[in-house]
Protein backbone atom coordinates (compact mmCIF):
# COMPACT_ATOMS: atom_id res chain seq x y z
CA MET A 1 90.80 288.49 122.51
CA ARG A 2 88.80 285.89 120.59
CA LEU A 3 89.02 282.12 120.03
CA THR A 4 88.22 280.44 116.73
CA PRO A 5 85.15 278.15 116.94
CA ASP A 6 87.32 275.03 117.06
CA CYS A 7 89.53 276.63 119.77
CA SER A 8 92.67 275.95 117.72
CA LYS A 9 93.70 279.63 117.54
CA MET A 10 93.59 282.63 119.84
CA LEU A 11 93.52 286.12 118.30
CA ILE A 12 94.52 289.17 120.31
CA SER A 13 94.18 292.71 118.98
CA THR A 14 96.17 295.68 120.25
CA SER A 15 95.64 299.43 120.32
CA SER A 16 98.97 299.81 118.49
CA GLY A 17 97.61 298.02 115.40
CA TYR A 18 99.10 294.56 115.88
CA LEU A 19 97.09 291.36 115.60
CA LEU A 20 98.58 288.40 117.47
CA ILE A 21 97.64 284.84 116.53
CA LEU A 22 98.51 281.93 118.80
CA HIS A 23 98.45 278.76 116.68
CA ASP A 24 97.79 275.18 117.83
CA LEU A 25 96.40 276.55 121.07
CA ASP A 26 97.12 274.59 124.24
CA LEU A 27 95.81 276.24 127.41
CA THR A 28 97.86 273.91 129.61
CA GLN A 29 101.04 275.61 128.38
CA SER A 30 102.35 279.13 128.82
CA LEU A 31 100.68 281.86 126.74
CA GLU A 32 103.39 284.49 127.24
CA VAL A 33 103.67 286.64 124.12
CA GLY A 34 106.57 288.89 125.13
CA SER A 35 107.07 292.62 125.42
CA TYR A 36 106.03 295.43 123.08
CA ARG A 37 109.63 295.72 121.90
CA MET A 38 109.63 292.02 120.98
CA LEU A 39 106.38 292.43 119.04
CA ARG A 40 107.86 295.27 116.98
CA ALA A 41 110.71 292.97 116.02
CA ARG A 42 108.39 290.10 115.07
CA ARG A 43 106.04 291.64 112.52
CA THR A 44 106.41 288.77 110.05
CA PRO A 45 104.62 285.41 110.22
CA LEU A 46 106.37 282.31 111.51
CA THR A 47 106.84 280.18 108.42
CA SER A 48 109.58 277.64 109.08
CA GLY A 49 110.37 274.79 111.42
CA LEU A 50 108.09 272.31 113.11
CA SER A 51 104.97 273.84 114.61
CA PRO A 52 105.13 274.10 118.42
CA ARG A 53 102.00 274.53 120.49
CA ASN A 54 101.05 278.17 121.09
CA SER A 55 103.40 279.42 118.36
CA LEU A 56 102.98 283.15 117.84
CA GLU A 57 102.32 285.05 114.63
CA VAL A 58 102.45 288.86 114.72
CA LEU A 59 100.61 290.72 111.95
CA THR A 60 99.85 294.32 111.08
CA PRO A 61 96.56 293.99 109.15
CA GLU A 62 96.37 295.87 105.88
CA ILE A 63 94.10 298.91 105.84
CA PRO A 64 93.06 300.25 102.40
CA GLY A 65 95.09 303.29 101.43
CA GLU A 66 96.55 303.69 104.92
CA LYS A 67 99.75 301.66 104.82
CA ASP A 68 101.90 304.57 105.99
CA ARG A 69 99.61 306.01 108.65
CA GLY A 70 99.22 303.11 111.04
CA ASN A 71 96.04 302.15 112.80
CA CYS A 72 94.44 301.21 116.10
CA ILE A 73 92.33 298.04 116.30
CA THR A 74 89.34 298.80 118.51
CA SER A 75 87.03 295.83 117.98
CA LEU A 76 87.63 292.20 117.02
CA GLN A 77 85.13 289.47 116.09
CA LEU A 78 85.36 286.08 114.38
CA HIS A 79 83.16 284.57 111.70
CA PRO A 80 80.89 281.95 113.35
CA LYS A 81 82.26 279.28 111.01
CA GLY A 82 85.87 280.31 111.61
CA TRP A 83 86.44 281.51 108.03
CA ALA A 84 87.44 285.09 108.74
CA THR A 85 88.09 287.78 111.30
CA LEU A 86 86.24 291.08 111.47
CA ILE A 87 87.86 294.21 112.88
CA ARG A 88 86.94 297.83 113.46
CA CYS A 89 89.96 300.10 113.33
CA SER A 90 90.82 303.77 113.28
CA SER A 91 93.78 305.76 112.00
CA ASN A 92 96.50 306.88 114.39
CA MET A 93 95.14 310.42 114.03
CA ASP A 94 91.66 309.09 114.89
CA ASP A 95 90.20 310.91 111.89
CA GLN A 96 89.09 307.83 109.89
CA GLU A 97 87.50 304.49 110.75
CA TRP A 98 87.01 301.27 108.81
CA THR A 99 85.34 297.91 109.13
CA CYS A 100 87.48 295.19 107.54
CA VAL A 101 87.10 291.46 106.88
CA TYR A 102 90.17 289.23 106.64
CA GLU A 103 90.01 285.70 105.31
CA PHE A 104 92.06 283.05 107.09
CA GLN A 105 94.51 281.46 104.67
CA GLU A 106 96.26 278.23 105.56
CA GLY A 107 99.61 278.33 103.78
CA ALA A 108 100.65 275.07 102.14
CA PRO A 109 104.17 273.86 102.94
CA THR A 110 106.68 274.54 100.16
CA ARG A 111 109.38 272.18 101.42
CA PRO A 112 109.67 269.38 103.99
CA LEU A 113 109.43 270.24 107.70
CA VAL A 114 107.78 273.58 107.01
CA SER A 115 104.49 273.72 108.86
CA PRO A 116 101.39 275.47 107.47
CA ARG A 117 100.93 278.95 108.83
CA CYS A 118 97.81 281.01 108.92
CA SER A 119 97.95 284.43 107.34
CA LEU A 120 95.15 286.91 106.77
CA ARG A 121 94.01 288.37 103.47
CA LEU A 122 91.90 291.52 103.36
CA THR A 123 88.80 290.61 101.33
CA HIS A 124 86.22 293.31 102.15
CA TYR A 125 86.13 296.71 103.82
CA ILE A 126 84.01 299.84 104.21
CA GLU A 127 84.75 303.27 105.66
CA GLU A 128 82.79 304.22 108.75
CA ALA A 129 81.24 307.50 109.96
CA ASN A 130 84.07 308.43 112.38
CA VAL A 131 81.88 310.00 115.05
CA GLY A 132 82.18 309.51 118.79
CA ARG A 133 85.96 309.61 118.59
CA GLY A 134 87.82 307.80 121.33
CA TYR A 135 85.01 305.32 122.02
CA ILE A 136 85.10 301.64 121.10
CA LYS A 137 82.41 300.61 118.61
CA GLU A 138 81.60 296.90 118.80
CA LEU A 139 80.43 295.25 115.59
CA CYS A 140 79.18 291.70 115.08
CA PHE A 141 78.39 288.88 112.67
CA SER A 142 74.94 287.37 112.34
CA PRO A 143 74.74 283.75 113.61
CA ASP A 144 75.04 282.40 110.05
CA GLY A 145 77.89 284.78 109.15
CA ARG A 146 76.09 286.33 106.16
CA LEU A 147 75.52 289.78 107.69
CA ILE A 148 77.60 292.24 109.66
CA CYS A 149 76.03 294.82 111.93
CA SER A 150 78.16 297.91 112.48
CA PRO A 151 77.59 301.04 114.62
CA TYR A 152 77.23 303.98 112.27
CA GLY A 153 76.83 307.38 113.87
CA TYR A 154 73.45 307.53 115.61
CA GLY A 155 72.35 304.24 114.06
CA VAL A 156 73.51 300.92 112.68
CA ARG A 157 74.30 299.53 109.24
CA LEU A 158 73.65 296.01 108.03
CA LEU A 159 76.47 295.01 105.70
CA ALA A 160 76.95 291.95 103.48
CA PHE A 161 79.55 290.48 101.16
CA ASP A 162 77.28 290.94 98.13
CA GLU A 163 73.79 292.24 97.38
CA ARG A 164 72.29 288.73 97.87
CA CYS A 165 73.71 288.30 101.39
CA SER A 166 75.71 285.29 100.21
CA GLU A 167 78.07 283.19 102.28
CA LEU A 168 81.60 284.57 102.42
CA ALA A 169 82.94 281.32 100.94
CA ASP A 170 80.72 281.79 97.87
CA CYS A 171 81.80 285.34 97.01
CA LEU A 172 85.48 285.70 97.88
CA PRO A 173 86.86 288.39 95.57
CA VAL A 174 90.11 288.13 93.65
CA GLN A 175 90.88 291.70 94.76
CA THR A 176 89.72 293.53 97.85
CA SER A 177 86.17 294.84 97.45
CA CYS A 178 83.74 297.01 99.40
CA LEU A 179 81.14 295.58 101.73
CA ARG A 180 77.57 296.12 100.51
CA GLU A 181 75.21 298.22 102.61
CA ILE A 182 71.91 296.36 102.90
CA ARG A 183 70.08 298.70 105.28
CA SER A 184 70.77 301.66 107.58
CA ILE A 185 68.64 302.28 110.66
CA TYR A 186 68.81 305.49 112.73
CA SER A 187 66.92 305.11 116.00
CA HIS A 188 69.20 306.61 118.67
CA SER A 189 69.74 310.13 119.96
CA ASP A 190 73.40 309.48 120.73
CA VAL A 191 76.37 307.68 119.18
CA VAL A 192 75.87 303.91 118.89
CA LEU A 193 78.72 301.98 120.53
CA THR A 194 77.67 298.33 120.43
CA THR A 195 75.59 295.89 118.38
CA LYS A 196 74.69 292.23 118.82
CA PHE A 197 72.62 289.65 116.97
CA SER A 198 70.56 287.16 118.95
CA PRO A 199 72.13 283.68 118.63
CA THR A 200 68.71 282.02 118.33
CA HIS A 201 66.19 284.53 116.96
CA CYS A 202 66.01 286.95 114.02
CA GLN A 203 66.64 289.87 116.34
CA LEU A 204 69.28 292.56 116.73
CA ALA A 205 70.17 294.91 119.58
CA SER A 206 72.13 298.16 119.64
CA GLY A 207 73.26 300.35 122.51
CA CYS A 208 74.27 304.01 122.47
CA LEU A 209 76.45 306.30 124.58
CA SER A 210 73.52 307.62 126.63
CA GLY A 211 72.61 304.08 127.75
CA ARG A 212 69.57 303.46 125.57
CA VAL A 213 69.17 299.98 124.04
CA ALA A 214 67.11 299.40 120.89
CA LEU A 215 65.83 296.05 119.59
CA TYR A 216 65.15 295.30 115.92
CA GLN A 217 63.54 292.41 114.07
CA PRO A 218 64.95 292.39 110.52
CA LYS A 219 62.67 291.25 107.71
CA PHE A 220 64.00 289.99 104.39
């Protein structure tokens, strides 16, 4: 579960591939989202009527080339400026993994009394190494949102939206495009499971299955 920076939305990912978005978040009201059976019946966004607090949108995020196979969302992060969501997911057969970026889109009303609804558009993706099956691999944004650090086998990859590490808002593609690999670093003797940028320094940490933590100081 993650909150957008302005705390107006709560995103909840599920192992069955659903992404739940609670809009107009109000923590003083009930956050009940219903049963699994109800979620299967509500796989389309809420697009009509006045917007109540904590209204629920149920999405199945698009995965490139895998529309018929289904997927499992294993890691969820939000862009530090609230522009996008970042997920790590695997196929139902657990034989492929991807890192995907989805832009938040605020839908404009098309007729009176229809409230704007947030939907997600897949903008960037990259296939991952698919090692260490069954383990969660936690990826992260840099504090400015220009870089993504992703566990990649026995190391990490620094990914960006273009080769100049531009802001996402400055390089949104018309069609879905691949994330750019800026650098790969292999410094572990076991599968890397988690990565994290320092919020205040130009520093990065990664942790692997055997318990070893490595620190990096990127230079550009």
